[in-house]
Amino acid sequence: MRVIDLSNVSWRKSSYSNTSGGECVEVGRGPLPLVPVRDSKDPSRGALVFPARSWEAFVEGVKCEGVV
């Protein structure tokens, strides 16, 4: 397994997250051509990392389905 340094990533919480302990997702932005995604309630568990184009396709697909 390859280790990816996420120390320079800035995290943004999903606008659908709430303060009452709901399902919270954070998406990272940084210098990599990758998009890290983590659970904001427990960021120490690490992140899933996706190629940027795959993440963009996922988000567009969700928008097309009317979920967002």
C-alpha atoms as a PDB file:
ATOM      1  CA  MET A   1       0.000   0.000   0.000  1.00  0.00           C
ATOM      2  CA  ARG A   2       1.275   3.450  -0.900  1.00  0.00           C
ATOM      3  CA  VAL A   3       1.186   6.167   1.770  1.00  0.00           C
ATOM      4  CA  ILE A   4       0.003   9.562   0.575  1.00  0.00           C
ATOM      5  CA  ASP A   5       0.949  12.688   2.527  1.00  0.00           C
ATOM      6  CA  LEU A   6      -2.254  14.608   3.288  1.00  0.00           C
ATOM      7  CA  SER A   7      -0.649  17.108   5.677  1.00  0.00           C
ATOM      8  CA  ASN A   8      -1.031  20.027   3.222  1.00  0.00           C
ATOM      9  CA  VAL A   9      -4.658  19.298   2.405  1.00  0.00           C
ATOM     10  CA  SER A  10      -7.358  21.770   3.403  1.00  0.00           C
ATOM     11  CA  TRP A  11     -10.618  20.058   4.365  1.00  0.00           C
ATOM     12  CA  ARG A  12     -14.144  21.228   3.595  1.00  0.00           C
ATOM     13  CA  LYS A  13     -17.190  19.746   5.314  1.00  0.00           C
ATOM     14  CA  SER A  14     -20.151  18.785   3.172  1.00  0.00           C
ATOM     15  CA  SER A  15     -22.976  21.316   3.200  1.00  0.00           C
ATOM     16  CA  TYR A  16     -25.293  18.385   3.993  1.00  0.00           C
ATOM     17  CA  SER A  17     -23.488  17.665   7.286  1.00  0.00           C
ATOM     18  CA  ASN A  18     -25.114  18.919  10.452  1.00  0.00           C
ATOM     19  CA  THR A  19     -24.112  19.707  14.020  1.00  0.00           C
ATOM     20  CA  SER A  20     -26.276  17.019  15.652  1.00  0.00           C
ATOM     21  CA  GLY A  21     -23.958  14.135  14.798  1.00  0.00           C
ATOM     22  CA  GLY A  22     -25.350  13.439  11.364  1.00  0.00           C
ATOM     23  CA  GLU A  23     -23.367  11.723   8.668  1.00  0.00           C
ATOM     24  CA  CYS A  24     -20.479  14.095   8.101  1.00  0.00           C
ATOM     25  CA  VAL A  25     -18.138  13.936   5.143  1.00  0.00           C
ATOM     26  CA  GLU A  26     -15.138  16.135   4.487  1.00  0.00           C
ATOM     27  CA  VAL A  27     -13.512  16.534   1.090  1.00  0.00           C
ATOM     28  CA  GLY A  28      -9.905  17.630   0.851  1.00  0.00           C
ATOM     29  CA  ARG A  29      -8.242  20.015  -1.551  1.00  0.00           C
ATOM     30  CA  GLY A  30      -4.544  20.158  -1.987  1.00  0.00           C
ATOM     31  CA  PRO A  31      -1.621  20.009  -4.358  1.00  0.00           C
ATOM     32  CA  LEU A  32      -2.330  16.432  -5.473  1.00  0.00           C
ATOM     33  CA  PRO A  33      -4.276  15.279  -8.543  1.00  0.00           C
ATOM     34  CA  LEU A  34      -6.278  13.255  -6.021  1.00  0.00           C
ATOM     35  CA  VAL A  35      -9.341  13.948  -3.883  1.00  0.00           C
ATOM     36  CA  PRO A  36      -9.246  12.629  -0.311  1.00  0.00           C
ATOM     37  CA  VAL A  37     -12.555  12.018   1.481  1.00  0.00           C
ATOM     38  CA  ARG A  38     -12.903  11.326   5.213  1.00  0.00           C
ATOM     39  CA  ASP A  39     -15.391  11.061   8.061  1.00  0.00           C
ATOM     40  CA  SER A  40     -15.320  14.407   9.862  1.00  0.00           C
ATOM     41  CA  LYS A  41     -16.443  12.781  13.126  1.00  0.00           C
ATOM     42  CA  ASP A  42     -13.282  10.646  13.210  1.00  0.00           C
ATOM     43  CA  PRO A  43     -10.601  12.041  10.866  1.00  0.00           C
ATOM     44  CA  SER A  44      -7.891   9.975  12.547  1.00  0.00           C
ATOM     45  CA  ARG A  45      -9.252   6.884  10.776  1.00  0.00           C
ATOM     46  CA  GLY A  46      -7.768   8.159   7.533  1.00  0.00           C
ATOM     47  CA  ALA A  47      -9.213   8.985   4.161  1.00  0.00           C
ATOM     48  CA  LEU A  48     -10.289   7.319   0.962  1.00  0.00           C
ATOM     49  CA  VAL A  49      -8.423   8.836  -1.972  1.00  0.00           C
ATOM     50  CA  PHE A  50      -9.866   9.066  -5.472  1.00  0.00           C
ATOM     51  CA  PRO A  51      -8.425  10.312  -8.765  1.00  0.00           C
ATOM     52  CA  ALA A  52      -9.793  13.836  -9.298  1.00  0.00           C
ATOM     53  CA  ARG A  53     -11.548  12.909 -12.556  1.00  0.00           C
ATOM     54  CA  SER A  54     -13.293   9.961 -10.900  1.00  0.00           C
ATOM     55  CA  TRP A  55     -14.491  12.157  -8.031  1.00  0.00           C
ATOM     56  CA  GLU A  56     -15.768  14.788 -10.471  1.00  0.00           C
ATOM     57  CA  ALA A  57     -17.666  12.101 -12.401  1.00  0.00           C
ATOM     58  CA  PHE A  58     -19.178  10.801  -9.145  1.00  0.00           C
ATOM     59  CA  VAL A  59     -20.355  14.279  -8.091  1.00  0.00           C
ATOM     60  CA  GLU A  60     -21.823  14.987 -11.541  1.00  0.00           C
ATOM     61  CA  GLY A  61     -23.613  11.626 -11.449  1.00  0.00           C
ATOM     62  CA  VAL A  62     -25.138  12.407  -8.069  1.00  0.00           C
ATOM     63  CA  LYS A  63     -26.287  15.795  -9.326  1.00  0.00           C
ATOM     64  CA  CYS A  64     -27.911  14.176 -12.386  1.00  0.00           C
ATOM     65  CA  GLU A  65     -29.850  11.829 -10.110  1.00  0.00           C
ATOM     66  CA  GLY A  66     -31.220  14.801  -8.173  1.00  0.00           C
ATOM     67  CA  VAL A  67     -29.610  13.733  -4.898  1.00  0.00           C
ATOM     68  CA  VAL A  68     -27.763  17.030  -4.478  1.00  0.00           C
END
